[in-house]
Protein backbone atom coordinates (compact mmCIF):
# COMPACT_ATOMS: atom_id res chain seq x y z
CA UNK A 1 41.43 1.73 12.36
CA UNK A 2 38.59 -0.45 13.70
CA UNK A 3 37.48 2.40 15.96
CA UNK A 4 37.32 4.81 13.02
CA UNK A 5 35.22 2.34 10.97
CA UNK A 6 32.85 1.92 13.92
CA UNK A 7 32.74 5.71 14.40
CA UNK A 8 31.89 6.35 10.76
CA UNK A 9 29.23 3.62 10.87
CA UNK A 10 27.63 5.12 13.96
CA UNK A 11 27.71 8.60 12.44
CA UNK A 12 26.09 7.31 9.24
CA UNK A 13 23.39 5.49 11.21
CA UNK A 14 22.61 8.57 13.32
CA UNK A 15 22.38 10.85 10.27
CA UNK A 16 20.17 8.38 8.42
CA UNK A 17 17.85 8.06 11.41
CA UNK A 18 17.58 11.81 11.92
CA UNK A 19 16.85 12.43 8.23
CA UNK A 20 14.29 9.62 8.07
CA UNK A 21 12.48 10.74 11.23
CA UNK A 22 12.35 14.35 10.07
CA UNK A 23 10.96 13.22 6.71
CA UNK A 24 8.29 11.09 8.43
CA UNK A 25 7.31 13.81 10.89
CA UNK A 26 4.18 15.63 9.86
CA UNK A 27 3.49 19.33 10.29
CA UNK A 28 -0.13 18.48 11.02
CA UNK A 29 -1.27 16.34 13.92
CA UNK A 30 -4.73 17.83 14.46
CA UNK A 31 -7.18 20.58 13.46
CA UNK A 32 -5.36 23.33 15.37
CA UNK A 33 -2.26 22.83 13.21
CA UNK A 34 -4.17 23.81 10.06
CA UNK A 35 -3.87 27.51 10.92
CA UNK A 36 -0.11 27.48 10.40
CA UNK A 37 0.32 25.30 7.30
CA UNK A 38 -0.64 25.51 3.64
CA UNK A 39 -3.97 23.68 3.28
CA UNK A 40 -5.83 22.39 0.22
CA UNK A 41 -9.43 21.35 -0.26
CA UNK A 42 -12.13 21.23 -2.92
CA UNK A 43 -14.34 24.37 -2.93
CA UNK A 44 -18.03 23.67 -2.37
CA UNK A 45 -17.33 20.51 -0.37
CA UNK A 46 -18.30 19.95 3.26
CA UNK A 47 -14.56 19.98 4.06
CA UNK A 48 -14.21 23.46 2.52
CA UNK A 49 -17.24 24.62 4.52
CA UNK A 50 -15.56 23.31 7.69
CA UNK A 51 -12.39 25.28 6.89
CA UNK A 52 -14.37 28.44 6.10
CA UNK A 53 -16.36 28.21 9.37
CA UNK A 54 -13.10 28.06 11.29
CA UNK A 55 -11.46 30.82 9.23
CA UNK A 56 -8.71 28.50 8.02
CA UNK A 57 -7.19 29.77 4.80
CA UNK A 58 -6.99 27.10 2.10
CA UNK A 59 -6.18 26.80 -1.55
CA UNK A 60 -9.01 25.42 -3.65
CA UNK A 61 -8.36 22.66 -6.17
CA UNK A 62 -10.97 21.47 -8.69
CA UNK A 63 -10.72 17.81 -7.61
CA UNK A 64 -9.36 15.71 -4.77
CA UNK A 65 -6.81 14.23 -7.19
CA UNK A 66 -5.49 17.72 -7.97
CA UNK A 67 -5.24 18.54 -4.26
CA UNK A 68 -3.38 15.28 -3.58
CA UNK A 69 -0.96 16.00 -6.42
CA UNK A 70 -0.29 19.42 -4.87
CA UNK A 71 0.42 17.67 -1.55
CA UNK A 72 2.86 15.26 -3.18
CA UNK A 73 4.55 18.14 -5.01
CA UNK A 74 4.97 20.08 -1.75
CA UNK A 75 2.73 22.97 -2.84
CA UNK A 76 0.55 22.34 0.26
CA UNK A 77 1.17 20.56 3.56
CA UNK A 78 -2.31 19.19 4.22
CA UNK A 79 -5.46 18.21 2.35
CA UNK A 80 -8.79 18.38 4.16
CA UNK A 81 -11.59 16.28 2.68
CA UNK A 82 -13.86 13.32 3.46
CA UNK A 83 -11.97 10.65 5.41
CA UNK A 84 -12.96 7.60 3.29
CA UNK A 85 -11.88 9.31 0.08
CA UNK A 86 -8.60 10.47 1.65
CA UNK A 87 -7.94 6.96 2.94
CA UNK A 88 -8.52 5.56 -0.53
CA UNK A 89 -6.11 8.11 -2.02
CA UNK A 90 -3.49 7.55 0.69
CA UNK A 91 -3.37 3.80 -0.03
CA UNK A 92 -2.36 4.60 -3.60
CA UNK A 93 0.23 7.29 -2.84
CA UNK A 94 3.64 6.87 -1.26
CA UNK A 95 4.35 8.87 1.90
CA UNK A 96 0.80 10.14 2.42
CA UNK A 97 -1.03 9.37 5.64
CA UNK A 98 -4.47 10.20 6.99
CA UNK A 99 -4.74 11.42 10.58
CA UNK A 100 -6.63 9.25 13.03
CA UNK A 101 -8.53 12.26 14.39
CA UNK A 102 -11.76 13.18 12.65
CA UNK A 103 -12.31 16.91 12.44
CA UNK A 104 -16.06 16.88 11.93
CA UNK A 105 -17.88 13.53 11.76
CA UNK A 106 -20.65 13.23 9.19
CA UNK A 107 -23.46 10.73 9.10
CA UNK A 108 -25.15 9.47 5.98
CA UNK A 109 -28.72 8.24 5.70
CA UNK A 110 -31.43 7.02 3.38
CA UNK A 111 -34.52 9.22 3.37
CA UNK A 112 -37.84 7.40 3.32
CA UNK A 113 -41.39 8.73 3.61
CA UNK A 114 -43.06 8.32 7.01
CA UNK A 115 -44.42 4.82 7.63
CA UNK A 116 -42.69 3.49 4.51
CA UNK A 117 -42.95 -0.29 4.14
CA UNK A 118 -39.31 -0.25 3.00
CA UNK A 119 -37.93 1.01 6.34
CA UNK A 120 -37.79 -2.33 8.16
CA UNK A 121 -36.42 -4.42 5.23
CA UNK A 122 -33.84 -1.72 4.45
CA UNK A 123 -32.69 -1.54 8.08
CA UNK A 124 -32.35 -5.30 8.27
CA UNK A 125 -30.46 -5.49 4.95
CA UNK A 126 -28.06 -2.74 6.06
CA UNK A 127 -27.39 -4.38 9.42
CA UNK A 128 -26.79 -7.72 7.74
CA UNK A 129 -24.44 -6.19 5.16
CA UNK A 130 -22.44 -4.23 7.76
CA UNK A 131 -21.83 -7.40 9.77
CA UNK A 132 -20.76 -9.49 6.80
CA UNK A 133 -17.21 -10.51 6.00
CA UNK A 134 -17.67 -9.10 2.49
CA UNK A 135 -18.22 -5.61 3.98
CA UNK A 136 -15.08 -5.86 6.13
CA UNK A 137 -13.08 -7.12 3.15
CA UNK A 138 -14.28 -4.19 1.03
CA UNK A 139 -13.35 -1.69 3.78
CA UNK A 140 -9.88 -3.17 3.95
CA UNK A 141 -9.44 -3.32 0.17
CA UNK A 142 -10.54 0.26 -0.48
CA UNK A 143 -9.74 2.10 2.76
CA UNK A 144 -7.12 -0.01 4.50
CA UNK A 145 -9.37 -0.49 7.53
CA UNK A 146 -10.57 -3.55 9.36
C-alpha cells in the first residue's frame, strides 16, 4: 500500500513537471524561429520593416496592446516590436517573456545644428542622468532591468 502511494505520487510529480515545462517552453528562441510561427507586429513600425526585409510573414495589429492580446489569446506565437516597449508589456502580463537576443539594435539621438552651444551641456546632462540611481530605478520599475 505504501509503495502504491509512493508510485502515484511520483507519477503525479512527473506529469506535473512535464506539463509545466512544456507550457514554459517557447516556440521562439531567436530570429530564425520566426519563419515557422505565427508572428504579430504593428504595420509601419521599424519592427514591421525588419520582418518585411527578411520576408517573414506577420499579422498586423493596430497597436502593441492588440498584438499582445492576440499573443495571450494564442492567435499568434510571437510579437516583434521595440524591446523597451515589449519589456514594459511583459512585466504587466502573466506568462509573457521577452527574448534576451536583440534582432536589430536601434540607436536614438538628439539632432543639433553644427557647432550648437547646447551640444556640450546636453552631453554632460545625459551622461550624468544615465549614471544616476534614479535612472537605474526607472529602468527597473518600467522595464524590469538593472
